Amino acid sequence: MMIPACRLADLPRGEAHRLDIEPPVSVFHTDDGELFAIDDTCTHQDASLADGWLEGCEVECPLHASKFDLRTGAVDAPPAKLPVRTHEVVVTDGTVYVRLSGDTPNLPPCVSARLAGGAA
């Protein structure tokens, strides 16, 4: 399923756009013009990666400085240990679309509990 994220013209290079879905997903537009989509929640604690720092193909979590590779979702710097999911990005007629991965997301316990209807 393709989800419309934003207009490409509205996503400057070096910025991110967060999709308010559960769990949230963010689209990153690198300085080199590449587009990547990953789960927005850091796997270490509940922090939005869209609020982090983008450098090359890495995003640094604003909470504890974990780094994730936008191409693979792999952890490049702790304290996070689990990768984030990556999602396919397609641009059609100037609109950025995200095809969500069918893989199970790696979410911190507080987020998993909230999504399951438990205490946060």
N, C-alpha and C. Protein backbone atom coordinates (compact mmCIF):
# COMPACT_ATOMS: atom_id res chain seq x y z
N MET A 1 0.84 -1.18 0.00
CA MET A 1 0.00 0.00 0.00
C MET A 1 0.88 1.24 0.00
N MET A 2 0.63 2.13 -0.94
CA MET A 2 1.39 3.37 -1.05
C MET A 2 0.65 4.47 -0.30
N ILE A 3 1.37 5.15 0.58
CA ILE A 3 0.80 6.24 1.37
C ILE A 3 1.40 7.55 0.87
N PRO A 4 0.58 8.54 0.50
CA PRO A 4 1.14 9.84 0.12
C PRO A 4 1.74 10.52 1.35
N ALA A 5 2.98 10.98 1.20
CA ALA A 5 3.67 11.60 2.33
C ALA A 5 3.64 13.13 2.25
N CYS A 6 4.07 13.66 1.09
CA CYS A 6 4.16 15.11 0.92
C CYS A 6 4.51 15.40 -0.53
N ARG A 7 4.48 16.66 -0.89
CA ARG A 7 4.98 17.08 -2.20
C ARG A 7 6.50 17.17 -2.10
N LEU A 8 7.19 16.71 -3.12
CA LEU A 8 8.65 16.78 -3.11
C LEU A 8 9.12 18.22 -2.97
N ALA A 9 8.42 19.15 -3.60
CA ALA A 9 8.79 20.57 -3.52
C ALA A 9 8.68 21.13 -2.10
N ASP A 10 7.91 20.46 -1.25
CA ASP A 10 7.72 20.92 0.14
C ASP A 10 8.69 20.27 1.11
N LEU A 11 9.60 19.43 0.60
CA LEU A 11 10.57 18.73 1.46
C LEU A 11 11.98 19.12 1.02
N PRO A 12 12.53 20.20 1.60
CA PRO A 12 13.86 20.65 1.21
C PRO A 12 14.93 19.61 1.52
N ARG A 13 16.01 19.67 0.78
CA ARG A 13 17.16 18.80 1.07
C ARG A 13 17.65 19.08 2.49
N GLY A 14 18.04 17.99 3.17
CA GLY A 14 18.52 18.11 4.54
C GLY A 14 17.42 18.12 5.57
N GLU A 15 16.17 17.89 5.14
CA GLU A 15 15.02 17.93 6.05
C GLU A 15 14.28 16.59 6.06
N ALA A 16 13.36 16.48 7.01
CA ALA A 16 12.53 15.28 7.13
C ALA A 16 11.07 15.67 7.24
N HIS A 17 10.21 14.74 6.85
CA HIS A 17 8.76 14.92 6.98
C HIS A 17 8.21 13.70 7.71
N ARG A 18 7.50 13.93 8.80
CA ARG A 18 6.95 12.85 9.63
C ARG A 18 5.51 12.57 9.24
N LEU A 19 5.21 11.29 9.01
CA LEU A 19 3.84 10.85 8.74
C LEU A 19 3.23 10.43 10.07
N ASP A 20 2.12 11.03 10.42
CA ASP A 20 1.46 10.72 11.68
C ASP A 20 0.56 9.50 11.53
N ILE A 21 1.21 8.35 11.42
CA ILE A 21 0.53 7.06 11.38
C ILE A 21 1.06 6.25 12.56
N GLU A 22 0.53 5.08 12.80
CA GLU A 22 1.00 4.25 13.92
C GLU A 22 1.61 2.97 13.41
N PRO A 23 2.88 2.72 13.69
CA PRO A 23 3.84 3.66 14.25
C PRO A 23 4.25 4.70 13.20
N PRO A 24 4.71 5.88 13.66
CA PRO A 24 5.08 6.95 12.74
C PRO A 24 6.23 6.55 11.82
N VAL A 25 6.23 7.15 10.64
CA VAL A 25 7.28 6.94 9.63
C VAL A 25 7.74 8.33 9.20
N SER A 26 9.04 8.46 8.90
CA SER A 26 9.55 9.73 8.40
C SER A 26 10.26 9.54 7.08
N VAL A 27 10.11 10.54 6.21
CA VAL A 27 10.81 10.59 4.94
C VAL A 27 11.93 11.61 5.08
N PHE A 28 13.14 11.21 4.71
CA PHE A 28 14.31 12.08 4.78
C PHE A 28 14.78 12.41 3.37
N HIS A 29 15.10 13.69 3.13
CA HIS A 29 15.63 14.15 1.85
C HIS A 29 17.07 14.59 2.12
N THR A 30 18.02 13.80 1.66
CA THR A 30 19.42 14.08 1.97
C THR A 30 19.92 15.28 1.16
N ASP A 31 21.07 15.80 1.58
CA ASP A 31 21.70 16.91 0.86
C ASP A 31 22.05 16.52 -0.57
N ASP A 32 22.25 15.21 -0.81
CA ASP A 32 22.57 14.71 -2.16
C ASP A 32 21.31 14.48 -3.00
N GLY A 33 20.14 14.73 -2.43
CA GLY A 33 18.90 14.59 -3.18
C GLY A 33 18.23 13.24 -3.09
N GLU A 34 18.79 12.32 -2.29
CA GLU A 34 18.19 11.00 -2.14
C GLU A 34 17.04 11.06 -1.13
N LEU A 35 16.08 10.17 -1.31
CA LEU A 35 14.93 10.08 -0.40
C LEU A 35 14.92 8.71 0.26
N PHE A 36 14.71 8.72 1.58
CA PHE A 36 14.64 7.49 2.35
C PHE A 36 13.47 7.59 3.33
N ALA A 37 12.87 6.45 3.63
CA ALA A 37 11.81 6.41 4.64
C ALA A 37 12.15 5.33 5.65
N ILE A 38 12.04 5.68 6.93
CA ILE A 38 12.29 4.74 8.02
C ILE A 38 11.23 4.96 9.10
N ASP A 39 11.11 3.99 10.00
CA ASP A 39 10.27 4.21 11.17
C ASP A 39 10.82 5.41 11.92
N ASP A 40 9.94 6.27 12.38
CA ASP A 40 10.36 7.53 13.00
C ASP A 40 10.82 7.38 14.44
N THR A 41 10.43 6.32 15.12
CA THR A 41 10.73 6.19 16.55
C THR A 41 12.05 5.48 16.77
N CYS A 42 12.94 6.12 17.53
CA CYS A 42 14.21 5.50 17.90
C CYS A 42 13.92 4.19 18.64
N THR A 43 14.68 3.16 18.34
CA THR A 43 14.45 1.86 18.97
C THR A 43 14.98 1.81 20.40
N HIS A 44 15.69 2.83 20.84
CA HIS A 44 16.22 2.87 22.21
C HIS A 44 15.18 3.43 23.17
N GLN A 45 14.63 4.61 22.84
CA GLN A 45 13.58 5.23 23.64
C GLN A 45 12.66 6.01 22.72
N ASP A 46 11.57 6.51 23.26
CA ASP A 46 10.54 7.17 22.46
C ASP A 46 10.97 8.57 22.05
N ALA A 47 11.70 8.66 20.93
CA ALA A 47 12.13 9.95 20.39
C ALA A 47 11.90 9.94 18.89
N SER A 48 11.50 11.08 18.35
CA SER A 48 11.26 11.20 16.91
C SER A 48 12.57 11.42 16.17
N LEU A 49 12.87 10.52 15.24
CA LEU A 49 14.09 10.67 14.45
C LEU A 49 13.99 11.84 13.48
N ALA A 50 12.78 12.24 13.11
CA ALA A 50 12.60 13.41 12.25
C ALA A 50 13.11 14.68 12.94
N ASP A 51 13.16 14.67 14.27
CA ASP A 51 13.69 15.80 15.03
C ASP A 51 15.20 15.72 15.21
N GLY A 52 15.81 14.68 14.67
CA GLY A 52 17.25 14.47 14.82
C GLY A 52 18.06 15.22 13.78
N TRP A 53 19.34 14.85 13.68
CA TRP A 53 20.27 15.52 12.78
C TRP A 53 20.59 14.59 11.63
N LEU A 54 20.46 15.12 10.43
CA LEU A 54 20.70 14.36 9.21
C LEU A 54 22.08 14.71 8.67
N GLU A 55 22.90 13.69 8.48
CA GLU A 55 24.23 13.90 7.90
C GLU A 55 24.50 12.75 6.94
N GLY A 56 24.60 13.08 5.66
CA GLY A 56 24.78 12.04 4.66
C GLY A 56 23.58 11.11 4.68
N CYS A 57 23.85 9.82 4.83
CA CYS A 57 22.77 8.82 4.88
C CYS A 57 22.55 8.32 6.30
N GLU A 58 22.85 9.16 7.29
CA GLU A 58 22.63 8.81 8.69
C GLU A 58 21.75 9.86 9.36
N VAL A 59 20.93 9.38 10.30
CA VAL A 59 20.18 10.29 11.15
C VAL A 59 20.58 10.00 12.59
N GLU A 60 20.79 11.06 13.35
CA GLU A 60 21.17 10.94 14.77
C GLU A 60 19.96 11.28 15.63
N CYS A 61 19.63 10.39 16.54
CA CYS A 61 18.51 10.60 17.45
C CYS A 61 18.77 11.82 18.34
N PRO A 62 17.77 12.69 18.52
CA PRO A 62 17.98 13.88 19.34
C PRO A 62 18.04 13.59 20.84
N LEU A 63 17.67 12.39 21.26
CA LEU A 63 17.61 12.10 22.69
C LEU A 63 18.95 11.61 23.25
N HIS A 64 19.50 10.55 22.69
CA HIS A 64 20.74 9.98 23.22
C HIS A 64 21.81 9.75 22.15
N ALA A 65 21.64 10.33 20.96
CA ALA A 65 22.64 10.33 19.89
C ALA A 65 22.86 8.98 19.21
N SER A 66 21.90 8.06 19.32
CA SER A 66 22.00 6.85 18.50
C SER A 66 21.95 7.28 17.04
N LYS A 67 22.67 6.56 16.18
CA LYS A 67 22.66 6.87 14.75
C LYS A 67 22.14 5.67 13.97
N PHE A 68 21.36 5.97 12.93
CA PHE A 68 20.78 4.94 12.08
C PHE A 68 21.12 5.22 10.62
N ASP A 69 21.46 4.17 9.88
CA ASP A 69 21.72 4.26 8.45
C ASP A 69 20.37 4.30 7.73
N LEU A 70 20.12 5.36 6.98
CA LEU A 70 18.84 5.51 6.30
C LEU A 70 18.64 4.47 5.20
N ARG A 71 19.73 3.95 4.65
CA ARG A 71 19.63 2.97 3.56
C ARG A 71 19.20 1.60 4.05
N THR A 72 19.67 1.22 5.25
CA THR A 72 19.44 -0.14 5.75
C THR A 72 18.65 -0.20 7.05
N GLY A 73 18.60 0.92 7.77
CA GLY A 73 17.97 0.95 9.09
C GLY A 73 18.90 0.50 10.20
N ALA A 74 20.11 0.07 9.85
CA ALA A 74 21.06 -0.45 10.84
C ALA A 74 21.50 0.63 11.82
N VAL A 75 21.81 0.18 13.03
CA VAL A 75 22.35 1.08 14.06
C VAL A 75 23.82 1.32 13.75
N ASP A 76 24.21 2.58 13.63
CA ASP A 76 25.60 2.94 13.40
C ASP A 76 26.29 3.46 14.65
N ALA A 77 25.51 3.81 15.69
CA ALA A 77 26.08 4.27 16.96
C ALA A 77 25.07 3.99 18.07
N PRO A 78 25.55 3.44 19.20
CA PRO A 78 24.66 3.15 20.33
C PRO A 78 24.21 4.45 21.01
N PRO A 79 23.27 4.37 21.94
CA PRO A 79 22.87 3.21 22.73
C PRO A 79 21.83 2.30 22.08
N ALA A 80 21.19 2.70 20.98
CA ALA A 80 20.24 1.80 20.32
C ALA A 80 20.96 0.53 19.89
N LYS A 81 20.25 -0.58 19.95
CA LYS A 81 20.81 -1.87 19.54
C LYS A 81 20.05 -2.48 18.37
N LEU A 82 18.77 -2.16 18.26
CA LEU A 82 17.93 -2.74 17.22
C LEU A 82 17.75 -1.77 16.05
N PRO A 83 17.71 -2.27 14.82
CA PRO A 83 17.52 -1.39 13.66
C PRO A 83 16.10 -0.87 13.57
N VAL A 84 15.92 0.17 12.78
CA VAL A 84 14.59 0.64 12.42
C VAL A 84 14.22 0.03 11.07
N ARG A 85 12.92 -0.10 10.83
CA ARG A 85 12.47 -0.60 9.52
C ARG A 85 12.71 0.47 8.46
N THR A 86 13.01 0.02 7.26
CA THR A 86 13.08 0.91 6.11
C THR A 86 11.87 0.65 5.23
N HIS A 87 11.50 1.67 4.47
CA HIS A 87 10.32 1.59 3.61
C HIS A 87 10.68 2.13 2.23
N GLU A 88 10.03 1.60 1.22
CA GLU A 88 10.26 2.04 -0.15
C GLU A 88 9.68 3.44 -0.35
N VAL A 89 10.42 4.28 -1.09
CA VAL A 89 9.96 5.63 -1.43
C VAL A 89 9.83 5.73 -2.95
N VAL A 90 8.72 6.27 -3.41
CA VAL A 90 8.47 6.47 -4.83
C VAL A 90 7.97 7.90 -5.02
N VAL A 91 8.48 8.58 -6.05
CA VAL A 91 7.99 9.91 -6.38
C VAL A 91 7.23 9.82 -7.71
N THR A 92 5.98 10.23 -7.68
CA THR A 92 5.14 10.21 -8.87
C THR A 92 4.45 11.57 -9.01
N ASP A 93 4.66 12.20 -10.15
CA ASP A 93 4.04 13.50 -10.43
C ASP A 93 4.28 14.50 -9.31
N GLY A 94 5.50 14.50 -8.76
CA GLY A 94 5.88 15.47 -7.74
C GLY A 94 5.43 15.14 -6.33
N THR A 95 4.76 14.01 -6.15
CA THR A 95 4.32 13.59 -4.81
C THR A 95 5.18 12.44 -4.33
N VAL A 96 5.60 12.52 -3.07
CA VAL A 96 6.40 11.46 -2.44
C VAL A 96 5.44 10.47 -1.80
N TYR A 97 5.60 9.20 -2.15
CA TYR A 97 4.79 8.12 -1.59
C TYR A 97 5.69 7.16 -0.84
N VAL A 98 5.14 6.53 0.20
CA VAL A 98 5.87 5.53 0.98
C VAL A 98 5.09 4.22 0.91
N ARG A 99 5.81 3.15 0.56
CA ARG A 99 5.24 1.80 0.63
C ARG A 99 5.76 1.17 1.92
N LEU A 100 4.85 0.94 2.86
CA LEU A 100 5.24 0.44 4.17
C LEU A 100 5.75 -0.99 4.11
N SER A 101 6.79 -1.25 4.86
CA SER A 101 7.34 -2.59 5.00
C SER A 101 6.35 -3.48 5.74
N GLY A 102 6.36 -4.75 5.42
CA GLY A 102 5.53 -5.71 6.13
C GLY A 102 6.22 -6.30 7.34
N ASP A 103 7.49 -5.92 7.55
CA ASP A 103 8.24 -6.43 8.70
C ASP A 103 7.70 -5.86 10.00
N THR A 104 7.90 -6.58 11.08
CA THR A 104 7.49 -6.11 12.40
C THR A 104 8.43 -4.99 12.85
N PRO A 105 7.89 -3.86 13.32
CA PRO A 105 8.76 -2.77 13.77
C PRO A 105 9.46 -3.10 15.09
N ASN A 106 10.66 -2.56 15.25
CA ASN A 106 11.38 -2.63 16.52
C ASN A 106 11.08 -1.35 17.28
N LEU A 107 10.20 -1.44 18.26
CA LEU A 107 9.79 -0.26 19.01
C LEU A 107 10.23 -0.38 20.46
N PRO A 108 10.54 0.75 21.12
CA PRO A 108 10.85 0.69 22.54
C PRO A 108 9.62 0.21 23.31
N PRO A 109 9.82 -0.44 24.47
CA PRO A 109 8.70 -1.01 25.23
C PRO A 109 7.57 -0.03 25.52
N CYS A 110 7.88 1.22 25.82
CA CYS A 110 6.83 2.18 26.15
C CYS A 110 5.91 2.43 24.95
N VAL A 111 6.46 2.43 23.75
CA VAL A 111 5.66 2.64 22.54
C VAL A 111 4.87 1.38 22.21
N SER A 112 5.50 0.22 22.33
CA SER A 112 4.79 -1.04 22.07
C SER A 112 3.59 -1.19 22.99
N ALA A 113 3.76 -0.83 24.26
CA ALA A 113 2.66 -0.93 25.23
C ALA A 113 1.54 0.03 24.86
N ARG A 114 1.89 1.25 24.46
CA ARG A 114 0.88 2.24 24.08
C ARG A 114 0.08 1.76 22.87
N LEU A 115 0.76 1.22 21.87
CA LEU A 115 0.07 0.74 20.66
C LEU A 115 -0.80 -0.47 20.95
N ALA A 116 -0.40 -1.27 21.95
CA ALA A 116 -1.18 -2.45 22.33
C ALA A 116 -2.33 -2.10 23.27
N GLY A 117 -2.41 -0.82 23.66
CA GLY A 117 -3.50 -0.39 24.54
C GLY A 117 -3.16 -0.45 26.01
N GLY A 118 -1.88 -0.69 26.33
CA GLY A 118 -1.46 -0.74 27.73
C GLY A 118 -0.96 0.60 28.21
N ALA A 119 -0.36 0.60 29.38
CA ALA A 119 0.20 1.82 29.96
C ALA A 119 1.44 2.22 29.18
N ALA A 120 1.65 3.52 29.03
CA ALA A 120 2.82 4.02 28.32
C ALA A 120 4.01 4.14 29.23
